[in-house]
């Protein structure tokens, strides 16, 4: 018998933790009590969902400007045969939060967060020097419109 990747309880659990993760001594117990589960069941379900790739991570989501950082969206023109190595180098920087391949002239897109735009520009030059990719756009936001991402499962 093939087990489904997610059942209805998993969906309820994922809906619960997306934007309302409790900040308590035992957050998984708090979630379990809210959902009528055991703490062990919540932890086991989340571990299984993470192991299967449905959950990438559980962690804080910060507004960079409010903690003294800046963020930017970057786009690069990367030859097909250099995509994997370029992505690996970009991903080695701790301020890179997302990195995507897109079927477009600028085919690698990534977000970068750092204490200053000068640091981001320095890192982009390093990335260019390490990879030989010279066409990297730095597209800092002017105004943020997205305030919350919540997927109703």
C-alpha atoms as a PDB file:
ATOM      1  CA  UNK A   1       0.000   0.000   0.000  1.00  0.00           C
ATOM      2  CA  UNK A   2       1.387   3.409  -1.005  1.00  0.00           C
ATOM      3  CA  UNK A   3       1.116   6.045   1.704  1.00  0.00           C
ATOM      4  CA  UNK A   4       0.058   9.532   0.559  1.00  0.00           C
ATOM      5  CA  UNK A   5       2.616  12.304   1.029  1.00  0.00           C
ATOM      6  CA  UNK A   6       0.160  14.252   3.151  1.00  0.00           C
ATOM      7  CA  UNK A   7      -3.074  13.463   4.905  1.00  0.00           C
ATOM      8  CA  UNK A   8      -5.746  15.862   6.159  1.00  0.00           C
ATOM      9  CA  UNK A   9      -4.052  16.173   9.566  1.00  0.00           C
ATOM     10  CA  UNK A  10      -0.775  17.153   7.866  1.00  0.00           C
ATOM     11  CA  UNK A  11      -2.632  19.861   5.940  1.00  0.00           C
ATOM     12  CA  UNK A  12      -4.231  21.234   9.118  1.00  0.00           C
ATOM     13  CA  UNK A  13      -0.816  21.177  10.813  1.00  0.00           C
ATOM     14  CA  UNK A  14       0.867  23.021   7.942  1.00  0.00           C
ATOM     15  CA  UNK A  15      -1.905  25.621   7.882  1.00  0.00           C
ATOM     16  CA  UNK A  16      -1.411  26.124  11.633  1.00  0.00           C
ATOM     17  CA  UNK A  17       2.363  26.646  11.582  1.00  0.00           C
ATOM     18  CA  UNK A  18       2.727  28.865   8.509  1.00  0.00           C
ATOM     19  CA  UNK A  19       2.037  32.233  10.082  1.00  0.00           C
ATOM     20  CA  UNK A  20       1.151  31.512  13.675  1.00  0.00           C
ATOM     21  CA  UNK A  21       4.010  29.497  15.122  1.00  0.00           C
ATOM     22  CA  UNK A  22       3.851  29.765  18.915  1.00  0.00           C
ATOM     23  CA  UNK A  23       6.748  31.355  20.741  1.00  0.00           C
ATOM     24  CA  UNK A  24       6.638  29.224  23.867  1.00  0.00           C
ATOM     25  CA  UNK A  25       8.924  26.912  25.796  1.00  0.00           C
ATOM     26  CA  UNK A  26       7.325  23.901  24.056  1.00  0.00           C
ATOM     27  CA  UNK A  27       5.827  25.162  20.785  1.00  0.00           C
ATOM     28  CA  UNK A  28       5.083  21.689  19.434  1.00  0.00           C
ATOM     29  CA  UNK A  29       3.093  20.861  22.558  1.00  0.00           C
ATOM     30  CA  UNK A  30       1.122  24.080  22.141  1.00  0.00           C
ATOM     31  CA  UNK A  31       0.383  23.192  18.490  1.00  0.00           C
ATOM     32  CA  UNK A  32      -0.541  19.643  19.485  1.00  0.00           C
ATOM     33  CA  UNK A  33      -2.993  20.864  22.112  1.00  0.00           C
ATOM     34  CA  UNK A  34      -4.606  23.254  19.614  1.00  0.00           C
ATOM     35  CA  UNK A  35      -5.048  20.437  17.080  1.00  0.00           C
ATOM     36  CA  UNK A  36      -5.964  17.578  19.404  1.00  0.00           C
ATOM     37  CA  UNK A  37      -2.712  15.696  18.753  1.00  0.00           C
ATOM     38  CA  UNK A  38       0.226  14.634  20.873  1.00  0.00           C
ATOM     39  CA  UNK A  39       3.469  16.569  20.896  1.00  0.00           C
ATOM     40  CA  UNK A  40       5.250  13.446  19.621  1.00  0.00           C
ATOM     41  CA  UNK A  41       2.809  13.147  16.699  1.00  0.00           C
ATOM     42  CA  UNK A  42       3.334  16.799  15.706  1.00  0.00           C
ATOM     43  CA  UNK A  43       7.120  16.413  15.786  1.00  0.00           C
ATOM     44  CA  UNK A  44       7.020  13.106  13.868  1.00  0.00           C
ATOM     45  CA  UNK A  45       4.714  14.565  11.210  1.00  0.00           C
ATOM     46  CA  UNK A  46       6.912  17.632  10.730  1.00  0.00           C
ATOM     47  CA  UNK A  47      10.053  15.478  10.537  1.00  0.00           C
ATOM     48  CA  UNK A  48       8.391  13.284   7.881  1.00  0.00           C
ATOM     49  CA  UNK A  49       7.211  16.319   5.904  1.00  0.00           C
ATOM     50  CA  UNK A  50      10.709  17.797   6.033  1.00  0.00           C
ATOM     51  CA  UNK A  51      12.357  14.502   5.045  1.00  0.00           C
ATOM     52  CA  UNK A  52       9.979  14.206   2.074  1.00  0.00           C
ATOM     53  CA  UNK A  53      10.819  17.740   0.902  1.00  0.00           C
ATOM     54  CA  UNK A  54       7.372  19.226   1.520  1.00  0.00           C
ATOM     55  CA  UNK A  55       8.817  21.493   4.234  1.00  0.00           C
ATOM     56  CA  UNK A  56      12.148  23.168   3.473  1.00  0.00           C
ATOM     57  CA  UNK A  57      12.665  24.574   6.938  1.00  0.00           C
ATOM     58  CA  UNK A  58      10.940  25.908  10.005  1.00  0.00           C
ATOM     59  CA  UNK A  59      12.300  29.240  11.135  1.00  0.00           C
ATOM     60  CA  UNK A  60      11.791  32.918  11.610  1.00  0.00           C
ATOM     61  CA  UNK A  61      10.955  35.261   8.788  1.00  0.00           C
ATOM     62  CA  UNK A  62      12.264  38.773   9.388  1.00  0.00           C
ATOM     63  CA  UNK A  63      11.736  42.153   7.760  1.00  0.00           C
ATOM     64  CA  UNK A  64      15.354  42.988   6.895  1.00  0.00           C
ATOM     65  CA  UNK A  65      14.962  46.769   7.226  1.00  0.00           C
ATOM     66  CA  UNK A  66      13.550  46.459  10.758  1.00  0.00           C
ATOM     67  CA  UNK A  67      16.660  44.622  11.955  1.00  0.00           C
ATOM     68  CA  UNK A  68      19.142  46.927  10.225  1.00  0.00           C
ATOM     69  CA  UNK A  69      19.662  44.937   7.025  1.00  0.00           C
ATOM     70  CA  UNK A  70      18.944  45.538   3.351  1.00  0.00           C
ATOM     71  CA  UNK A  71      17.721  43.087   0.749  1.00  0.00           C
ATOM     72  CA  UNK A  72      17.802  42.877  -2.983  1.00  0.00           C
ATOM     73  CA  UNK A  73      16.707  40.666  -5.842  1.00  0.00           C
ATOM     74  CA  UNK A  74      19.461  39.641  -8.241  1.00  0.00           C
ATOM     75  CA  UNK A  75      19.248  38.217 -11.738  1.00  0.00           C
ATOM     76  CA  UNK A  76      22.088  36.671 -13.716  1.00  0.00           C
ATOM     77  CA  UNK A  77      22.650  35.482 -17.276  1.00  0.00           C
ATOM     78  CA  UNK A  78      24.319  32.114 -16.800  1.00  0.00           C
ATOM     79  CA  UNK A  79      25.255  29.689 -19.594  1.00  0.00           C
ATOM     80  CA  UNK A  80      23.444  26.347 -19.269  1.00  0.00           C
ATOM     81  CA  UNK A  81      26.674  24.452 -18.596  1.00  0.00           C
ATOM     82  CA  UNK A  82      27.582  26.779 -15.702  1.00  0.00           C
ATOM     83  CA  UNK A  83      24.234  26.873 -13.867  1.00  0.00           C
ATOM     84  CA  UNK A  84      25.017  24.238 -11.241  1.00  0.00           C
ATOM     85  CA  UNK A  85      28.418  25.661 -10.335  1.00  0.00           C
ATOM     86  CA  UNK A  86      27.090  29.237 -10.330  1.00  0.00           C
ATOM     87  CA  UNK A  87      24.184  28.250  -8.056  1.00  0.00           C
ATOM     88  CA  UNK A  88      26.537  26.429  -5.674  1.00  0.00           C
ATOM     89  CA  UNK A  89      28.750  29.493  -5.317  1.00  0.00           C
ATOM     90  CA  UNK A  90      25.783  31.849  -4.867  1.00  0.00           C
ATOM     91  CA  UNK A  91      24.290  29.485  -2.275  1.00  0.00           C
ATOM     92  CA  UNK A  92      27.533  29.504  -0.277  1.00  0.00           C
ATOM     93  CA  UNK A  93      26.824  33.089   0.821  1.00  0.00           C
ATOM     94  CA  UNK A  94      24.861  33.196   4.091  1.00  0.00           C
ATOM     95  CA  UNK A  95      22.755  36.170   2.963  1.00  0.00           C
ATOM     96  CA  UNK A  96      21.244  34.309   0.000  1.00  0.00           C
ATOM     97  CA  UNK A  97      17.759  33.208   0.976  1.00  0.00           C
ATOM     98  CA  UNK A  98      16.321  31.979  -2.343  1.00  0.00           C
ATOM     99  CA  UNK A  99      17.868  30.917  -5.632  1.00  0.00           C
ATOM    100  CA  UNK A 100      15.814  29.923  -8.678  1.00  0.00           C
ATOM    101  CA  UNK A 101      16.342  28.858 -12.274  1.00  0.00           C
ATOM    102  CA  UNK A 102      13.917  30.454 -14.733  1.00  0.00           C
ATOM    103  CA  UNK A 103      13.509  29.885 -18.453  1.00  0.00           C
ATOM    104  CA  UNK A 104      14.453  33.425 -19.444  1.00  0.00           C
ATOM    105  CA  UNK A 105      17.463  35.405 -20.679  1.00  0.00           C
ATOM    106  CA  UNK A 106      18.263  36.185 -17.049  1.00  0.00           C
ATOM    107  CA  UNK A 107      17.921  32.605 -15.914  1.00  0.00           C
ATOM    108  CA  UNK A 108      19.169  32.587 -12.314  1.00  0.00           C
ATOM    109  CA  UNK A 109      17.337  34.741  -9.784  1.00  0.00           C
ATOM    110  CA  UNK A 110      18.269  35.006  -6.113  1.00  0.00           C
ATOM    111  CA  UNK A 111      17.577  37.178  -3.100  1.00  0.00           C
ATOM    112  CA  UNK A 112      20.397  38.565  -1.007  1.00  0.00           C
ATOM    113  CA  UNK A 113      20.204  40.064   2.503  1.00  0.00           C
ATOM    114  CA  UNK A 114      23.136  41.809   4.213  1.00  0.00           C
ATOM    115  CA  UNK A 115      23.897  44.610   6.677  1.00  0.00           C
ATOM    116  CA  UNK A 116      24.464  47.080   3.817  1.00  0.00           C
ATOM    117  CA  UNK A 117      24.105  47.477   0.078  1.00  0.00           C
ATOM    118  CA  UNK A 118      27.884  47.962  -0.060  1.00  0.00           C
ATOM    119  CA  UNK A 119      28.330  44.437   1.321  1.00  0.00           C
ATOM    120  CA  UNK A 120      25.873  43.017  -1.195  1.00  0.00           C
ATOM    121  CA  UNK A 121      27.686  44.772  -4.051  1.00  0.00           C
ATOM    122  CA  UNK A 122      31.028  43.467  -2.729  1.00  0.00           C
ATOM    123  CA  UNK A 123      29.617  39.936  -2.602  1.00  0.00           C
ATOM    124  CA  UNK A 124      28.173  40.222  -6.114  1.00  0.00           C
ATOM    125  CA  UNK A 125      31.629  41.250  -7.387  1.00  0.00           C
ATOM    126  CA  UNK A 126      33.143  38.248  -5.581  1.00  0.00           C
ATOM    127  CA  UNK A 127      30.542  35.954  -7.145  1.00  0.00           C
ATOM    128  CA  UNK A 128      31.328  37.427 -10.555  1.00  0.00           C
ATOM    129  CA  UNK A 129      35.079  36.944 -10.016  1.00  0.00           C
ATOM    130  CA  UNK A 130      34.643  33.352  -8.792  1.00  0.00           C
ATOM    131  CA  UNK A 131      32.263  32.310 -11.576  1.00  0.00           C
ATOM    132  CA  UNK A 132      33.239  34.463 -14.532  1.00  0.00           C
ATOM    133  CA  UNK A 133      29.592  35.550 -14.822  1.00  0.00           C
ATOM    134  CA  UNK A 134      29.662  39.308 -15.333  1.00  0.00           C
ATOM    135  CA  UNK A 135      26.037  40.000 -16.168  1.00  0.00           C
ATOM    136  CA  UNK A 136      24.411  40.090 -12.705  1.00  0.00           C
ATOM    137  CA  UNK A 137      21.681  42.635 -12.030  1.00  0.00           C
ATOM    138  CA  UNK A 138      21.172  44.081  -8.556  1.00  0.00           C
ATOM    139  CA  UNK A 139      17.492  45.044  -8.227  1.00  0.00           C
ATOM    140  CA  UNK A 140      16.830  46.445  -4.735  1.00  0.00           C
ATOM    141  CA  UNK A 141      13.200  46.991  -3.827  1.00  0.00           C
ATOM    142  CA  UNK A 142      11.814  50.480  -3.598  1.00  0.00           C
ATOM    143  CA  UNK A 143       8.519  49.567  -1.964  1.00  0.00           C
ATOM    144  CA  UNK A 144       7.354  46.242  -0.520  1.00  0.00           C
ATOM    145  CA  UNK A 145       3.782  45.185  -1.308  1.00  0.00           C
ATOM    146  CA  UNK A 146       3.805  41.535  -0.232  1.00  0.00           C
ATOM    147  CA  UNK A 147       3.096  41.334   3.461  1.00  0.00           C
ATOM    148  CA  UNK A 148       2.243  37.675   4.023  1.00  0.00           C
ATOM    149  CA  UNK A 149       2.427  34.382   2.182  1.00  0.00           C
ATOM    150  CA  UNK A 150      -0.118  31.881   3.493  1.00  0.00           C
ATOM    151  CA  UNK A 151      -1.105  28.780   1.566  1.00  0.00           C
ATOM    152  CA  UNK A 152      -4.454  27.363   2.560  1.00  0.00           C
ATOM    153  CA  UNK A 153      -3.935  23.639   2.330  1.00  0.00           C
END
